Amino acid sequence: MNDKTTHFGFRDVPVADKKKLVGEVFSSVAAKYDVMKDLMSLGVHRLWQRYFTGTSGIKRGDRVLDLAGGTGDIAKLLLERVGDSGEIVIGDINNEMLSVGRDRLTDLGLLKGLSYVQLNAEALPFPDSSFDAITMAFGLRNVTDKLAALKSMHRILKVGGKVMVLEFSEVQAEWFKPIYDFHSFKVLPKLGELIAGDASSYQYLAESIRKHPNQAGLKALMEEAGFEQCSVRNLSGGIVAIHSGFKI
């Protein structure tokens, strides 16, 4: 990979093409995105998300940006924390994903305190110091320029604000890695084909996890972006990790 190419799963593609290719994947899986997450995590993602929001420190009255907000899972959990006086802005680069989330939350009667913005995480369209907290769950690995995205997050956070990233990471136990690889590369695409009629998108999603920076690598990127007091918490043996940092 050179300066003009980047990874799309295990393939090298022109930088200019990645956003379109990722967009096609998520447009394809949008309607069955929750099924996809269940297949990728065997359903445990629901517990990860509850732990992620429950330990976020987000409080009543906070204004929160939920990036890669997709189908609204994180926003729904965060609404309980910010209350009537808070606000959740759901941001996603993919309009199909935003539409699924908007429809789902509206059907649940969740309207107050929610807004939706189609955006690119690498160039967030908000003024400096706009948010008390930023969350991003299972989205950063799909961003082409992760450092640019983290710098953009840092810019729009208020001083004292916190960023939290929940993302698939590097499994820590050596004995488990072959099992995890078998599920990711042999089982997951087959299930994607059977259930969603789309093996290639699920193949990409499995590959994207392996190309994403590991725990130490993402922590270093966050520090380079300007975040301080950065920390990492592994869940389920490192299948996923929560990275946190502050703007000080």
Protein backbone atom coordinates (compact mmCIF):
# COMPACT_ATOMS: atom_id res chain seq x y z
CA MET A 1 0.00 0.00 0.00
CA ASN A 2 1.38 3.42 -0.97
CA ASP A 3 0.26 6.99 -0.30
CA LYS A 4 -2.33 6.82 -3.08
CA THR A 5 -3.88 3.51 -2.06
CA THR A 6 -5.54 2.20 1.07
CA HIS A 7 -6.99 -1.11 2.19
CA PHE A 8 -10.51 -2.27 1.50
CA GLY A 9 -10.52 -5.48 3.44
CA PHE A 10 -7.44 -7.32 2.23
CA ARG A 11 -7.43 -5.52 -1.15
CA ASP A 12 -5.47 -2.37 -1.92
CA VAL A 13 -7.67 0.20 -3.65
CA PRO A 14 -7.24 3.86 -4.65
CA VAL A 15 -7.92 6.17 -1.69
CA ALA A 16 -10.59 7.97 -3.70
CA ASP A 17 -12.51 4.70 -4.21
CA LYS A 18 -12.72 3.44 -0.63
CA LYS A 19 -15.58 5.68 0.52
CA LYS A 20 -17.70 4.52 -2.42
CA LEU A 21 -16.86 0.86 -1.84
CA VAL A 22 -17.61 1.04 1.89
CA GLY A 23 -20.81 2.90 1.08
CA GLU A 24 -21.90 0.08 -1.22
CA VAL A 25 -21.29 -2.47 1.55
CA PHE A 26 -23.41 -0.62 4.09
CA SER A 27 -26.13 0.23 1.59
CA SER A 28 -26.30 -3.49 0.92
CA VAL A 29 -26.47 -4.55 4.58
CA ALA A 30 -28.45 -1.59 6.00
CA ALA A 31 -31.80 -3.35 6.17
CA LYS A 32 -30.26 -6.35 7.95
CA TYR A 33 -27.48 -4.58 9.83
CA ASP A 34 -28.56 -5.90 13.22
CA VAL A 35 -28.60 -9.42 11.80
CA MET A 36 -25.06 -8.76 10.57
CA LYS A 37 -23.90 -7.71 14.02
CA ASP A 38 -25.53 -10.77 15.56
CA LEU A 39 -23.68 -12.98 13.08
CA MET A 40 -20.34 -11.24 13.67
CA SER A 41 -20.58 -11.32 17.46
CA LEU A 42 -22.93 -14.26 18.07
CA GLY A 43 -25.30 -11.76 19.67
CA VAL A 44 -22.84 -10.55 22.31
CA HIS A 45 -22.69 -7.07 20.69
CA ARG A 46 -25.83 -6.17 22.64
CA LEU A 47 -23.96 -6.68 25.92
CA TRP A 48 -20.91 -4.82 24.59
CA GLN A 49 -23.06 -1.84 23.63
CA ARG A 50 -24.78 -1.72 27.00
CA TYR A 51 -21.44 -1.86 28.77
CA PHE A 52 -20.05 0.83 26.42
CA THR A 53 -22.87 3.27 27.14
CA GLY A 54 -23.21 2.29 30.80
CA THR A 55 -19.57 3.10 31.55
CA SER A 56 -19.41 6.19 29.30
CA GLY A 57 -19.83 8.77 32.02
CA ILE A 58 -22.35 10.59 29.83
CA LYS A 59 -24.81 12.40 32.04
CA ARG A 60 -28.08 14.27 32.04
CA GLY A 61 -28.03 17.38 29.85
CA ASP A 62 -25.02 16.37 27.76
CA ARG A 63 -24.88 17.00 24.02
CA VAL A 64 -23.47 13.86 22.40
CA LEU A 65 -22.44 13.05 18.83
CA ASP A 66 -22.89 9.36 17.99
CA LEU A 67 -20.78 8.71 14.89
CA ALA A 68 -21.50 5.76 12.61
CA GLY A 69 -24.82 5.90 14.43
CA GLY A 70 -26.37 3.63 11.86
CA THR A 71 -29.48 1.90 13.09
CA GLY A 72 -29.67 3.89 16.33
CA ASP A 73 -28.66 1.22 18.86
CA ILE A 74 -26.21 3.43 20.75
CA ALA A 75 -28.40 6.54 20.53
CA LYS A 76 -31.34 4.66 22.04
CA LEU A 77 -29.22 3.64 25.03
CA LEU A 78 -27.70 7.12 25.41
CA LEU A 79 -31.09 8.84 25.44
CA GLU A 80 -31.72 7.21 28.78
CA ARG A 81 -28.60 8.90 30.12
CA VAL A 82 -28.91 12.45 28.71
CA GLY A 83 -32.58 12.79 29.60
CA ASP A 84 -35.01 15.43 28.38
CA SER A 85 -32.43 18.21 28.72
CA GLY A 86 -29.78 16.48 26.61
CA GLU A 87 -29.33 15.90 22.90
CA ILE A 88 -28.04 13.06 20.74
CA VAL A 89 -26.88 13.87 17.22
CA ILE A 90 -26.69 10.71 15.12
CA GLY A 91 -24.12 11.01 12.35
CA ASP A 92 -23.43 8.53 9.57
CA ILE A 93 -21.90 8.75 6.10
CA ASN A 94 -24.50 6.35 4.72
CA ASN A 95 -28.01 7.67 4.11
CA GLU A 96 -29.55 4.18 4.01
CA MET A 97 -28.19 3.45 7.48
CA LEU A 98 -29.51 6.78 8.80
CA SER A 99 -32.92 6.06 7.32
CA VAL A 100 -33.10 2.67 9.00
CA GLY A 101 -32.14 4.23 12.35
CA ARG A 102 -34.57 7.15 11.99
CA ASP A 103 -37.46 4.84 11.12
CA ARG A 104 -36.66 2.45 13.95
CA LEU A 105 -36.38 5.12 16.63
CA THR A 106 -39.47 6.93 15.35
CA ASP A 107 -41.45 3.67 15.49
CA LEU A 108 -40.40 3.41 19.14
CA GLY A 109 -41.74 6.92 19.76
CA LEU A 110 -38.25 8.33 20.32
CA LEU A 111 -38.29 11.80 18.78
CA LYS A 112 -37.30 14.38 21.37
CA GLY A 113 -33.61 15.13 21.73
CA LEU A 114 -32.61 13.30 18.54
CA SER A 115 -31.29 14.71 15.27
CA TYR A 116 -29.73 13.07 12.22
CA VAL A 117 -26.85 14.29 10.04
CA GLN A 118 -25.27 12.64 7.02
CA LEU A 119 -21.57 13.39 7.33
CA ASN A 120 -18.00 12.30 6.77
CA ALA A 121 -16.18 11.64 10.04
CA GLU A 122 -12.94 12.94 8.52
CA ALA A 123 -14.40 16.47 8.20
CA LEU A 124 -17.15 16.90 10.78
CA PRO A 125 -19.50 19.79 9.91
CA PHE A 126 -19.76 21.31 13.39
CA PRO A 127 -18.17 24.35 15.08
CA ASP A 128 -15.29 23.94 17.48
CA SER A 129 -16.17 22.83 21.02
CA SER A 130 -19.72 21.72 20.15
CA PHE A 131 -20.13 18.46 22.08
CA ASP A 132 -19.68 17.13 25.60
CA ALA A 133 -18.95 13.63 24.34
CA ILE A 134 -18.50 11.66 21.12
CA THR A 135 -19.20 7.96 20.72
CA MET A 136 -18.40 5.71 17.78
CA ALA A 137 -19.33 2.03 17.77
CA PHE A 138 -18.18 -0.38 15.07
CA GLY A 139 -17.45 2.39 12.59
CA LEU A 140 -13.90 3.66 12.84
CA ARG A 141 -12.40 0.68 11.04
CA ASN A 142 -14.34 1.69 7.91
CA VAL A 143 -12.93 5.24 7.85
CA THR A 144 -10.21 5.81 5.25
CA ASP A 145 -8.17 8.39 7.19
CA LYS A 146 -8.61 7.46 10.83
CA LEU A 147 -6.19 10.11 12.10
CA ALA A 148 -8.08 12.85 10.26
CA ALA A 149 -11.33 11.60 11.79
CA LEU A 150 -9.87 11.57 15.31
CA LYS A 151 -8.48 15.08 14.86
CA SER A 152 -11.88 16.25 13.66
CA MET A 153 -13.49 14.72 16.75
CA HIS A 154 -10.94 16.44 18.97
CA ARG A 155 -11.71 19.81 17.38
CA ILE A 156 -15.46 19.68 18.01
CA LEU A 157 -15.24 18.38 21.59
CA LYS A 158 -15.52 20.84 24.44
CA VAL A 159 -12.55 21.08 26.80
CA GLY A 160 -13.01 18.25 29.27
CA GLY A 161 -15.02 16.30 26.71
CA LYS A 162 -14.57 12.59 26.16
CA VAL A 163 -14.36 10.44 23.03
CA MET A 164 -15.18 6.72 23.21
CA VAL A 165 -14.63 4.20 20.44
CA LEU A 166 -16.07 0.68 20.59
CA GLU A 167 -14.50 -1.43 17.88
CA PHE A 168 -13.46 -4.95 16.98
CA SER A 169 -9.82 -5.37 17.92
CA GLU A 170 -7.11 -8.00 18.35
CA VAL A 171 -7.93 -11.22 20.19
CA GLN A 172 -5.48 -11.67 23.05
CA ALA A 173 -5.52 -15.45 23.66
CA GLU A 174 -3.39 -17.31 21.13
CA TRP A 175 -5.44 -20.50 21.47
CA PHE A 176 -8.63 -18.66 20.47
CA LYS A 177 -7.27 -16.96 17.34
CA PRO A 178 -7.70 -19.99 14.98
CA ILE A 179 -11.29 -20.44 16.18
CA TYR A 180 -12.02 -16.76 15.68
CA ASP A 181 -10.45 -16.80 12.22
CA PHE A 182 -12.51 -19.82 11.22
CA HIS A 183 -15.72 -18.10 12.30
CA SER A 184 -14.73 -14.84 10.57
CA PHE A 185 -13.57 -16.18 7.22
CA LYS A 186 -15.38 -19.48 6.79
CA VAL A 187 -18.63 -19.28 8.76
CA LEU A 188 -19.55 -15.59 8.58
CA PRO A 189 -19.55 -15.19 4.76
CA LYS A 190 -21.60 -18.38 4.39
CA LEU A 191 -24.13 -17.14 6.94
CA GLY A 192 -24.21 -13.78 5.18
CA GLU A 193 -25.00 -15.53 1.92
CA LEU A 194 -27.70 -17.72 3.46
CA ILE A 195 -29.41 -15.08 5.60
CA ALA A 196 -28.76 -11.81 3.76
CA GLY A 197 -27.92 -13.07 0.27
CA ASP A 198 -24.62 -11.20 0.41
CA ALA A 199 -21.41 -13.12 1.10
CA SER A 200 -18.98 -10.50 -0.22
CA SER A 201 -20.06 -7.72 2.15
CA TYR A 202 -19.63 -10.02 5.13
CA GLN A 203 -16.24 -11.11 3.82
CA TYR A 204 -15.19 -7.45 3.67
CA LEU A 205 -16.41 -6.80 7.20
CA ALA A 206 -14.36 -9.71 8.54
CA GLU A 207 -11.28 -8.55 6.63
CA SER A 208 -11.74 -4.95 7.79
CA ILE A 209 -11.38 -6.07 11.40
CA ARG A 210 -7.97 -7.59 10.70
CA LYS A 211 -6.75 -4.43 8.94
CA HIS A 212 -7.85 -2.14 11.76
CA PRO A 213 -5.16 -0.98 14.21
CA ASN A 214 -4.84 -3.16 17.28
CA GLN A 215 -5.32 -1.87 20.81
CA ALA A 216 -1.91 -0.20 21.10
CA GLY A 217 -2.04 1.14 17.55
CA LEU A 218 -5.40 2.88 17.98
CA LYS A 219 -4.37 4.29 21.37
CA ALA A 220 -1.29 5.81 19.70
CA LEU A 221 -3.44 7.32 16.94
CA MET A 222 -5.72 8.91 19.53
CA GLU A 223 -2.74 10.42 21.32
CA GLU A 224 -1.39 11.72 18.01
CA ALA A 225 -4.77 13.35 17.37
CA GLY A 226 -4.41 15.30 20.62
CA PHE A 227 -6.38 13.23 23.11
CA GLU A 228 -5.01 12.80 26.61
CA GLN A 229 -5.49 10.28 29.40
CA CYS A 230 -6.18 7.66 26.74
CA SER A 231 -7.14 4.22 27.95
CA VAL A 232 -8.06 0.82 26.52
CA ARG A 233 -10.45 -1.75 27.95
CA ASN A 234 -10.69 -5.16 26.32
CA LEU A 235 -14.02 -6.97 26.24
CA SER A 236 -14.44 -10.68 25.56
CA GLY A 237 -10.69 -11.24 25.47
CA GLY A 238 -9.99 -8.46 23.00
CA ILE A 239 -12.57 -9.39 20.38
CA VAL A 240 -13.62 -5.81 20.91
CA ALA A 241 -12.04 -2.95 22.84
CA ILE A 242 -13.21 0.37 24.21
CA HIS A 243 -10.77 3.22 23.62
CA SER A 244 -11.33 6.44 25.55
CA GLY A 245 -9.61 9.81 25.60
CA PHE A 246 -10.18 13.37 26.76
CA LYS A 247 -9.71 16.85 25.33
CA ILE A 248 -7.79 18.73 28.00
